[in-house]
Amino acid sequence: MKNVREMLPMDVRRSLGVEAATRRALIGGVLPLWLGAGLADWYRHRQTRIEDTAGARESAIHLLMMGEAGVPIMLGLFCEVNAGVLLTSFAALGVHEATAYWDQAYAEPRRRVTPVEQHIHSLLEIVPLMATGFLTVLHWDQACALVTKGRKGSRFALRRKRRDPLSGRTKAGLIGAMLMFGAIPYGEELWRCLRARPTLGTAPEPAEPATETLRRPETHSSRR
């Protein structure tokens, strides 16, 4: 006997397949990429001794960015994705980009940011954009309702998911991965920075910027 899905029209089956594939790409591709890039970034901070250079202030900015990215993730995991959740995701993305600029502007004069780390930063900026894009595609009706004149059909109230395609085990695994590869390493970084210099205040800048690209041209030529 054919299953229910095989009895559906081809266009409906194709739509269901695209939705399932998009969700798998988000959970199995985008989120691991974000966590992997974050862990690589933490390792680069450790290599450049963030505790002795930019200090706890930069580390606190890193945790702030993780929280900004984590808000739409948690909403997407546990709440019905409607216009309100999408609007929150768009806002979090904008705030995350502004915070990333603040992070770069603060860190580069005080700590050597290598080309490798700059490419890691590129991933950490683009992955939240990818996740927001996938979430928008999965809930296109609410995205359209958000921008339609009169916002007909848009919903903004936070509601717990009623029909959840993700199992409790999958959700627990995702949250555990975010703790293991995100919150714990960056918590350790902040603790290490506070132990070296117990303040969240601005660390002093060196006489010459630590990152080569910020140095004056004559400084580069004199060191060759």
Protein backbone atom coordinates (compact mmCIF):
# COMPACT_ATOMS: atom_id res chain seq x y z
CA MET A 1 0.00 0.00 0.00
CA LYS A 2 1.29 3.46 -0.86
CA ASN A 3 2.02 5.77 2.02
CA VAL A 4 0.16 9.07 2.42
CA ARG A 5 2.99 11.13 0.93
CA GLU A 6 3.07 9.09 -2.28
CA MET A 7 -0.64 9.74 -2.75
CA LEU A 8 -0.18 13.52 -2.75
CA PRO A 9 0.15 15.52 -6.00
CA MET A 10 3.70 15.95 -7.31
CA ASP A 11 3.86 19.71 -6.64
CA VAL A 12 2.77 19.19 -3.02
CA ARG A 13 5.36 16.42 -2.55
CA ARG A 14 8.02 18.65 -4.05
CA SER A 15 7.10 21.49 -1.67
CA LEU A 16 7.26 19.14 1.31
CA GLY A 17 10.64 17.87 0.13
CA VAL A 18 12.06 21.37 -0.22
CA GLU A 19 10.82 22.28 3.25
CA ALA A 20 12.40 19.17 4.79
CA ALA A 21 15.67 19.75 2.90
CA THR A 22 15.81 23.39 4.02
CA ARG A 23 15.28 22.38 7.63
CA ARG A 24 18.01 19.71 7.38
CA ALA A 25 20.41 22.26 5.85
CA LEU A 26 19.70 24.68 8.69
CA ILE A 27 20.17 22.15 11.48
CA GLY A 28 22.79 19.89 9.93
CA GLY A 29 24.77 22.51 8.02
CA VAL A 30 24.36 26.10 9.16
CA LEU A 31 24.36 25.51 12.93
CA PRO A 32 27.44 23.20 12.93
CA LEU A 33 29.24 25.71 10.70
CA TRP A 34 28.45 28.51 13.18
CA LEU A 35 29.63 26.46 16.16
CA GLY A 36 32.77 25.30 14.34
CA ALA A 37 33.69 28.83 13.30
CA GLY A 38 33.06 30.06 16.84
CA LEU A 39 35.33 27.38 18.29
CA ALA A 40 38.04 28.22 15.76
CA ASP A 41 37.72 31.90 16.68
CA TRP A 42 38.06 31.06 20.38
CA TYR A 43 41.25 29.14 19.58
CA ARG A 44 42.68 32.13 17.69
CA HIS A 45 41.91 34.38 20.66
CA ARG A 46 43.80 31.96 22.88
CA GLN A 47 46.78 31.90 20.50
CA THR A 48 47.00 35.70 20.51
CA ARG A 49 46.68 35.81 24.33
CA ILE A 50 43.52 37.86 24.54
CA GLU A 51 43.83 37.95 28.33
CA ASP A 52 47.03 40.04 28.05
CA THR A 53 45.94 42.25 25.14
CA ALA A 54 42.30 43.22 24.55
CA GLY A 55 41.19 41.71 27.85
CA ALA A 56 37.81 40.88 29.32
CA ARG A 57 36.00 43.66 27.47
CA GLU A 58 36.49 41.95 24.11
CA SER A 59 35.59 38.58 25.60
CA ALA A 60 32.35 40.05 26.97
CA ILE A 61 31.56 41.37 23.48
CA HIS A 62 31.99 37.81 22.15
CA LEU A 63 29.47 36.48 24.66
CA LEU A 64 27.11 39.32 23.76
CA MET A 65 27.26 38.33 20.07
CA MET A 66 26.62 34.69 20.99
CA GLY A 67 23.53 35.76 22.91
CA GLU A 68 22.31 37.88 20.00
CA ALA A 69 22.63 34.90 17.65
CA GLY A 70 21.14 32.53 20.24
CA VAL A 71 17.87 34.43 20.74
CA PRO A 72 16.37 33.64 17.28
CA ILE A 73 17.74 30.08 17.48
CA MET A 74 15.90 29.42 20.74
CA LEU A 75 12.74 31.09 19.47
CA GLY A 76 12.89 28.95 16.32
CA LEU A 77 13.34 25.78 18.36
CA PHE A 78 10.51 26.27 20.83
CA CYS A 79 8.04 28.83 19.41
CA GLU A 80 5.74 28.95 16.42
CA VAL A 81 7.66 30.96 13.82
CA ASN A 82 5.38 33.87 12.95
CA ALA A 83 5.87 37.48 11.95
CA GLY A 84 6.91 38.40 15.49
CA VAL A 85 9.65 35.76 15.63
CA LEU A 86 10.87 36.72 12.15
CA LEU A 87 10.94 40.40 13.11
CA THR A 88 12.94 39.51 16.22
CA SER A 89 15.36 37.49 14.07
CA PHE A 90 15.84 40.41 11.64
CA ALA A 91 16.45 42.79 14.55
CA ALA A 92 18.90 40.39 16.20
CA LEU A 93 20.77 40.07 12.90
CA GLY A 94 21.12 43.85 12.62
CA VAL A 95 22.30 44.20 16.23
CA HIS A 96 24.73 41.29 15.73
CA GLU A 97 26.29 43.03 12.71
CA ALA A 98 26.69 46.28 14.66
CA THR A 99 28.26 44.41 17.58
CA ALA A 100 30.63 42.57 15.21
CA TYR A 101 31.85 45.94 13.92
CA TRP A 102 32.35 47.13 17.50
CA ASP A 103 34.32 43.94 18.25
CA GLN A 104 36.64 44.43 15.27
CA ALA A 105 37.17 48.13 15.96
CA TYR A 106 38.04 47.41 19.59
CA ALA A 107 40.21 44.31 19.11
CA GLU A 108 42.41 45.09 16.09
CA PRO A 109 44.44 47.93 17.65
CA ARG A 110 45.07 45.86 20.81
CA ARG A 111 45.45 42.28 19.56
CA ARG A 112 46.95 40.88 16.36
CA VAL A 113 44.05 39.76 14.17
CA THR A 114 45.52 37.55 11.45
CA PRO A 115 44.04 36.97 7.96
CA VAL A 116 42.93 33.51 9.14
CA GLU A 117 40.95 35.02 12.01
CA GLN A 118 39.47 37.66 9.71
CA HIS A 119 38.14 34.90 7.44
CA ILE A 120 36.69 33.14 10.49
CA HIS A 121 34.95 36.42 11.36
CA SER A 122 33.49 36.48 7.86
CA LEU A 123 31.90 33.09 8.50
CA LEU A 124 30.58 34.20 11.89
CA GLU A 125 28.89 37.17 10.22
CA ILE A 126 27.44 35.33 7.23
CA VAL A 127 26.10 32.28 9.11
CA PRO A 128 23.44 34.25 11.08
CA LEU A 129 22.38 35.79 7.76
CA MET A 130 22.09 32.30 6.23
CA ALA A 131 20.07 31.05 9.22
CA THR A 132 17.71 34.03 9.06
CA GLY A 133 17.28 33.49 5.33
CA PHE A 134 16.43 29.81 5.77
CA LEU A 135 13.97 30.64 8.54
CA THR A 136 12.33 33.23 6.31
CA VAL A 137 11.99 30.75 3.44
CA LEU A 138 10.49 28.11 5.72
CA HIS A 139 7.83 30.57 6.89
CA TRP A 140 7.36 32.64 3.76
CA ASP A 141 3.68 33.36 4.44
CA GLN A 142 4.50 35.17 7.67
CA ALA A 143 7.45 36.98 6.05
CA CYS A 144 5.12 38.26 3.32
CA ALA A 145 2.47 39.20 5.87
CA LEU A 146 5.09 41.19 7.76
CA VAL A 147 5.68 43.55 4.84
CA THR A 148 2.22 43.52 3.24
CA LYS A 149 0.17 46.66 3.59
CA GLY A 150 -2.12 46.21 6.55
CA ARG A 151 -0.12 43.11 7.58
CA LYS A 152 -3.09 40.84 6.89
CA GLY A 153 -2.53 37.39 8.36
CA SER A 154 0.56 38.35 10.37
CA ARG A 155 0.87 37.03 13.91
CA PHE A 156 3.14 38.49 16.57
CA ALA A 157 2.26 36.67 19.81
CA LEU A 158 4.81 34.16 21.13
CA ARG A 159 3.29 30.68 21.17
CA ARG A 160 4.81 27.31 21.92
CA LYS A 161 5.08 24.96 18.94
CA ARG A 162 2.05 22.72 18.55
CA ARG A 163 3.29 20.49 15.72
CA ASP A 164 7.03 20.19 16.02
CA PRO A 165 9.06 18.40 13.31
CA LEU A 166 12.03 18.16 15.71
CA SER A 167 12.17 15.54 18.44
CA GLY A 168 13.07 16.34 22.02
CA ARG A 169 16.31 14.42 21.57
CA THR A 170 17.28 16.57 18.58
CA LYS A 171 16.57 19.76 20.51
CA ALA A 172 18.56 18.53 23.50
CA GLY A 173 21.45 17.66 21.19
CA LEU A 174 21.41 21.12 19.62
CA ILE A 175 21.32 22.91 22.97
CA GLY A 176 24.07 20.62 24.31
CA ALA A 177 26.23 21.39 21.26
CA MET A 178 25.74 25.14 21.74
CA LEU A 179 26.79 24.80 25.37
CA MET A 180 29.75 22.52 24.65
CA PHE A 181 31.18 24.33 21.63
CA GLY A 182 29.98 27.86 22.32
CA ALA A 183 29.05 28.92 25.83
CA ILE A 184 31.65 26.88 27.74
CA PRO A 185 34.72 27.89 25.64
CA TYR A 186 33.77 31.56 25.68
CA GLY A 187 32.92 31.39 29.37
CA GLU A 188 36.40 29.98 29.95
CA GLU A 189 37.85 32.82 27.87
CA LEU A 190 36.09 35.48 29.97
CA TRP A 191 37.22 33.78 33.20
CA ARG A 192 40.81 33.66 31.91
CA CYS A 193 40.69 37.35 30.98
CA LEU A 194 39.23 38.40 34.34
CA ARG A 195 41.83 36.35 36.18
CA ALA A 196 44.62 38.17 34.31
CA ARG A 197 43.03 41.64 34.64
CA PRO A 198 39.83 41.76 36.75
CA THR A 199 37.99 44.52 34.91
CA LEU A 200 35.63 44.93 31.98
CA GLY A 201 37.06 48.37 31.31
CA THR A 202 38.80 49.39 28.10
CA ALA A 203 42.28 47.92 27.77
CA PRO A 204 45.03 50.39 26.84
CA GLU A 205 46.12 50.57 23.21
CA PRO A 206 49.78 49.94 22.37
CA ALA A 207 51.89 52.67 20.75
CA GLU A 208 51.50 50.91 17.40
CA PRO A 209 48.39 48.90 16.44
CA ALA A 210 48.86 45.19 17.01
CA THR A 211 47.27 44.31 13.65
CA GLU A 212 49.64 45.06 10.76
CA THR A 213 46.98 46.43 8.40
CA LEU A 214 46.28 49.31 10.81
CA ARG A 215 49.90 50.47 11.00
CA ARG A 216 51.21 53.50 9.15
CA PRO A 217 52.94 52.77 5.81
CA GLU A 218 56.29 54.00 7.07
CA THR A 219 56.11 51.50 9.93
CA HIS A 220 55.70 48.63 7.46
CA SER A 221 58.63 49.78 5.32
CA SER A 222 60.95 50.28 8.31
CA ARG A 223 60.35 46.67 9.47
CA ARG A 224 61.17 45.02 6.14
